[in-house]
Amino acid sequence: MSTNEVYLDWKSWNPDTFGYCTAKESRRFSLELQSLNLKPPVRILEIGFGHGHFMAWAKSQAYEIHGIEQNPRLVELALQKGYSATITDDQADYGSEQYDLIVAWDVLEHLSHTEIGICLAHVRKALVRGGHFLAKCPNGDSPLGLSHHNGDVTHQTSIGYHKWTYFARQAQLDIVTIRGTKKVILYPNPIITLLKTVNWVLRKVAQWVYGKLFLPHYKNDYFSADTVVIFTKN
């Protein structure tokens, strides 16, 4: 088996379920993008679309979605399922001022520092003025992010708050927010909803106490395993 085939097999990405978005994933994507107030038609580029979960969600929202991916098998699957997708590499250009939103879910940690800088330069070029770039990565500032970062052999770079500010300045992008991931709290089962709500409240309290005692100027969510950063091009 090739390296790409081994990785897909290890991720348990079944070709038959490519481009399927669960109800929970759909709620999570809606929460993560809620603050952007996106209204169709919106042109979106997904960098590293993986198993197509986000592309499926974006298509269900009537957004114009295009995906790029280094794995040729995933591009093949995307095209077979009717998605707009092309194969790319770390040096590829994303176009010029043609996207309102660019997303990279769990992608940048697979790149080196130099490659991240190149990626963000391409992102800035491809965004329309006032457009946004959303990136999600394991939280490099928190021990809770270690299992996510170290759980994949293809991960190269751990990114924390100060690195994000450096990459933003390097790419001439403005940071809108650096935060933890949004949590799906409401479930059909009221007991699960109660437990999720209690968990969310305890995390917020712990974050506030820890911040006041040890990191008064820290702006990331220390108690989130992953970080979401939203940039804008002004």
Protein backbone atom coordinates (compact mmCIF):
# COMPACT_ATOMS: atom_id res chain seq x y z
CA MET A 1 0.00 0.00 0.00
CA SER A 2 1.15 3.54 -0.72
CA THR A 3 1.56 6.11 2.05
CA ASN A 4 -1.68 7.81 0.99
CA GLU A 5 -3.55 4.49 1.04
CA VAL A 6 -2.17 3.59 4.47
CA TYR A 7 -3.25 6.97 5.83
CA LEU A 8 -6.80 6.67 4.47
CA ASP A 9 -7.07 3.15 5.86
CA TRP A 10 -5.76 4.29 9.26
CA LYS A 11 -8.30 7.15 9.33
CA SER A 12 -11.07 4.61 8.54
CA TRP A 13 -12.31 6.83 5.72
CA ASN A 14 -14.71 4.58 3.85
CA PRO A 15 -15.16 5.63 0.20
CA ASP A 16 -18.88 4.86 0.46
CA THR A 17 -19.36 7.50 3.16
CA PHE A 18 -17.27 10.23 1.51
CA GLY A 19 -19.05 13.58 1.61
CA TYR A 20 -21.43 12.60 4.40
CA CYS A 21 -22.03 15.12 7.19
CA THR A 22 -23.65 13.90 10.41
CA ALA A 23 -26.23 15.97 12.28
CA LYS A 24 -23.66 16.73 15.00
CA GLU A 25 -21.05 17.82 12.46
CA SER A 26 -23.63 20.02 10.77
CA ARG A 27 -24.44 21.77 14.06
CA ARG A 28 -20.74 22.19 14.80
CA PHE A 29 -20.00 23.81 11.43
CA SER A 30 -22.98 26.11 11.87
CA LEU A 31 -21.73 27.19 15.30
CA GLU A 32 -18.16 27.77 14.13
CA LEU A 33 -19.27 30.00 11.23
CA GLN A 34 -22.21 31.68 12.95
CA SER A 35 -20.35 34.91 13.70
CA LEU A 36 -19.52 35.45 10.00
CA ASN A 37 -23.20 35.79 9.00
CA LEU A 38 -22.65 34.09 5.65
CA LYS A 39 -25.47 34.48 3.12
CA PRO A 40 -25.65 32.50 -0.14
CA PRO A 41 -24.23 32.82 -2.64
CA VAL A 42 -20.88 32.65 -0.85
CA ARG A 43 -17.72 31.40 -2.54
CA ILE A 44 -15.76 29.10 -0.22
CA LEU A 45 -12.44 27.31 -0.66
CA GLU A 46 -11.57 24.39 1.61
CA ILE A 47 -7.88 23.58 1.92
CA GLY A 48 -7.37 19.87 2.59
CA PHE A 49 -10.99 18.69 2.46
CA GLY A 50 -10.22 15.20 3.77
CA HIS A 51 -13.33 13.01 3.83
CA GLY A 52 -15.58 15.79 2.56
CA HIS A 53 -17.61 16.50 5.72
CA PHE A 54 -17.42 20.28 5.42
CA MET A 55 -17.93 20.31 1.65
CA ALA A 56 -21.13 18.31 2.19
CA TRP A 57 -22.33 20.80 4.81
CA ALA A 58 -21.45 23.83 2.67
CA LYS A 59 -23.27 22.36 -0.30
CA SER A 60 -26.35 21.75 1.87
CA GLN A 61 -26.30 25.47 2.75
CA ALA A 62 -26.30 26.46 -0.95
CA TYR A 63 -22.76 27.84 -0.72
CA GLU A 64 -20.43 27.62 -3.71
CA ILE A 65 -17.69 25.30 -2.40
CA HIS A 66 -14.43 24.21 -4.01
CA GLY A 67 -11.93 21.90 -2.35
CA ILE A 68 -8.23 21.28 -2.83
CA GLU A 69 -6.38 18.24 -1.53
CA GLN A 70 -2.96 16.60 -1.90
CA ASN A 71 -4.28 13.06 -1.77
CA PRO A 72 -5.31 12.04 -5.32
CA ARG A 73 -7.68 9.33 -4.09
CA LEU A 74 -9.69 11.88 -2.10
CA VAL A 75 -9.88 14.19 -5.12
CA GLU A 76 -11.10 11.26 -7.19
CA LEU A 77 -13.81 10.48 -4.62
CA ALA A 78 -14.89 14.12 -4.45
CA LEU A 79 -15.29 14.35 -8.23
CA GLN A 80 -17.22 11.08 -8.28
CA LYS A 81 -19.64 12.49 -5.70
CA GLY A 82 -20.20 15.65 -7.73
CA TYR A 83 -18.01 18.09 -5.78
CA SER A 84 -15.71 20.69 -7.28
CA ALA A 85 -12.20 19.60 -6.34
CA THR A 86 -8.63 19.74 -7.59
CA ILE A 87 -5.33 18.21 -6.54
CA THR A 88 -2.74 20.58 -5.13
CA ASP A 89 0.60 20.78 -3.35
CA ASP A 90 2.14 23.04 -0.71
CA GLN A 91 3.36 25.55 -3.30
CA ALA A 92 0.16 25.83 -5.36
CA ASP A 93 -1.58 29.17 -5.83
CA TYR A 94 -5.25 29.43 -4.77
CA GLY A 95 -6.26 32.11 -7.24
CA SER A 96 -6.69 35.88 -6.90
CA GLU A 97 -9.49 37.62 -4.96
CA GLN A 98 -12.15 35.01 -5.72
CA TYR A 99 -13.23 33.61 -2.33
CA ASP A 100 -15.33 35.14 0.44
CA LEU A 101 -14.22 32.46 2.90
CA ILE A 102 -11.32 30.01 3.01
CA VAL A 103 -11.25 27.25 5.62
CA ALA A 104 -8.59 24.79 6.77
CA TRP A 105 -9.96 22.28 9.28
CA ASP A 106 -7.07 20.41 10.93
CA VAL A 107 -4.65 21.17 8.10
CA LEU A 108 -1.96 23.69 9.10
CA GLU A 109 -0.47 21.37 11.74
CA HIS A 110 0.53 19.07 8.86
CA LEU A 111 2.82 21.82 7.48
CA SER A 112 6.21 23.24 8.47
CA HIS A 113 6.54 26.84 9.63
CA THR A 114 7.77 27.84 6.17
CA GLU A 115 4.90 26.03 4.46
CA ILE A 116 2.35 27.70 6.76
CA GLY A 117 3.75 31.10 5.78
CA ILE A 118 3.44 30.20 2.09
CA CYS A 119 -0.10 28.89 2.61
CA LEU A 120 -1.25 32.07 4.34
CA ALA A 121 0.29 34.23 1.62
CA HIS A 122 -1.76 32.30 -0.94
CA VAL A 123 -4.82 32.65 1.29
CA ARG A 124 -4.48 36.42 1.42
CA LYS A 125 -4.13 36.63 -2.34
CA ALA A 126 -7.18 34.42 -2.92
CA LEU A 127 -9.52 36.25 -0.51
CA VAL A 128 -11.67 39.17 -1.56
CA ARG A 129 -11.21 42.29 0.54
CA GLY A 130 -13.22 41.80 3.72
CA GLY A 131 -13.12 38.02 3.26
CA HIS A 132 -12.25 35.60 6.06
CA PHE A 133 -9.91 32.67 6.66
CA LEU A 134 -10.81 30.15 9.35
CA ALA A 135 -8.24 27.64 10.61
CA LYS A 136 -8.69 24.92 13.22
CA CYS A 137 -5.70 23.15 14.79
CA PRO A 138 -4.74 21.33 17.98
CA ASN A 139 -4.24 23.87 20.77
CA GLY A 140 -0.48 24.37 21.04
CA ASP A 141 -0.88 26.31 24.30
CA SER A 142 -2.70 23.58 26.23
CA PRO A 143 -1.77 20.07 27.41
CA LEU A 144 -5.28 19.11 26.27
CA GLY A 145 -4.09 19.56 22.69
CA LEU A 146 -1.22 17.09 22.99
CA SER A 147 -3.23 13.97 22.24
CA HIS A 148 -4.63 15.56 19.09
CA HIS A 149 -1.27 16.84 17.91
CA ASN A 150 0.73 13.71 18.74
CA GLY A 151 -1.99 11.33 17.56
CA ASP A 152 -1.18 11.73 13.86
CA VAL A 153 2.22 10.86 12.37
CA THR A 154 1.77 13.49 9.64
CA HIS A 155 1.52 16.40 12.11
CA GLN A 156 4.61 18.63 12.03
CA THR A 157 3.90 21.93 13.77
CA SER A 158 2.32 22.84 17.08
CA ILE A 159 0.74 26.31 16.97
CA GLY A 160 -0.04 28.48 19.98
CA TYR A 161 -1.33 32.00 20.47
CA HIS A 162 1.91 33.87 19.81
CA LYS A 163 2.67 31.87 16.66
CA TRP A 164 -0.77 32.78 15.34
CA THR A 165 -0.01 36.48 15.81
CA TYR A 166 3.31 36.04 13.99
CA PHE A 167 1.73 34.22 11.03
CA ALA A 168 -0.96 36.92 10.82
CA ARG A 169 1.61 39.70 10.68
CA GLN A 170 3.72 37.79 8.17
CA ALA A 171 0.71 37.29 5.85
CA GLN A 172 -0.67 40.81 6.44
CA LEU A 173 -3.94 39.42 7.75
CA ASP A 174 -5.87 40.73 10.75
CA ILE A 175 -6.95 38.36 13.51
CA VAL A 176 -10.66 38.56 14.31
CA THR A 177 -10.62 35.96 17.07
CA ILE A 178 -8.50 33.22 18.63
CA ARG A 179 -10.63 30.85 20.69
CA GLY A 180 -11.49 27.28 21.52
CA THR A 181 -13.86 25.27 19.38
CA LYS A 182 -17.60 25.78 19.73
CA LYS A 183 -19.34 22.98 21.62
CA VAL A 184 -22.56 21.28 20.59
CA ILE A 185 -24.61 21.30 23.79
CA LEU A 186 -28.21 20.64 22.76
CA TYR A 187 -29.01 16.97 22.11
CA PRO A 188 -32.27 15.03 21.72
CA ASN A 189 -31.43 13.25 24.99
CA PRO A 190 -31.99 15.76 27.86
CA ILE A 191 -29.50 13.95 30.12
CA ILE A 192 -26.72 14.37 27.56
CA THR A 193 -27.70 18.02 27.14
CA LEU A 194 -27.47 18.52 30.92
CA LEU A 195 -24.05 16.85 31.13
CA LYS A 196 -22.72 18.86 28.17
CA THR A 197 -24.04 22.09 29.71
CA VAL A 198 -22.40 21.37 33.08
CA ASN A 199 -19.14 20.51 31.31
CA TRP A 200 -19.28 23.77 29.33
CA VAL A 201 -19.95 25.87 32.46
CA LEU A 202 -17.14 24.21 34.43
CA ARG A 203 -14.68 24.78 31.58
CA LYS A 204 -15.62 28.47 31.40
CA VAL A 205 -15.20 28.89 35.14
CA ALA A 206 -11.85 27.08 35.10
CA GLN A 207 -10.69 29.23 32.18
CA TRP A 208 -11.64 32.44 34.00
CA VAL A 209 -9.92 31.39 37.26
CA TYR A 210 -6.78 30.14 35.52
CA GLY A 211 -6.58 33.28 33.42
CA LYS A 212 -6.93 35.60 36.41
CA LEU A 213 -4.30 33.73 38.43
CA PHE A 214 -1.66 32.85 35.85
CA LEU A 215 -2.30 34.32 32.38
CA PRO A 216 -4.14 37.63 32.69
CA HIS A 217 -3.17 38.72 29.15
CA TYR A 218 -3.74 35.35 27.49
CA LYS A 219 -6.48 35.38 24.82
CA ASN A 220 -6.76 31.71 23.82
CA ASP A 221 -8.95 29.07 25.49
CA TYR A 222 -6.54 27.09 27.65
CA PHE A 223 -9.13 24.39 28.37
CA SER A 224 -9.94 23.59 24.74
CA ALA A 225 -8.10 20.77 22.98
CA ASP A 226 -8.33 22.66 19.68
CA THR A 227 -8.01 26.28 18.63
CA VAL A 228 -10.03 28.12 16.00
CA VAL A 229 -8.55 31.27 14.50
CA ILE A 230 -10.44 33.60 12.19
CA PHE A 231 -8.49 36.08 10.08
CA THR A 232 -9.74 38.80 7.76
CA LYS A 233 -8.25 40.61 4.79
CA ASN A 234 -8.71 44.36 5.05
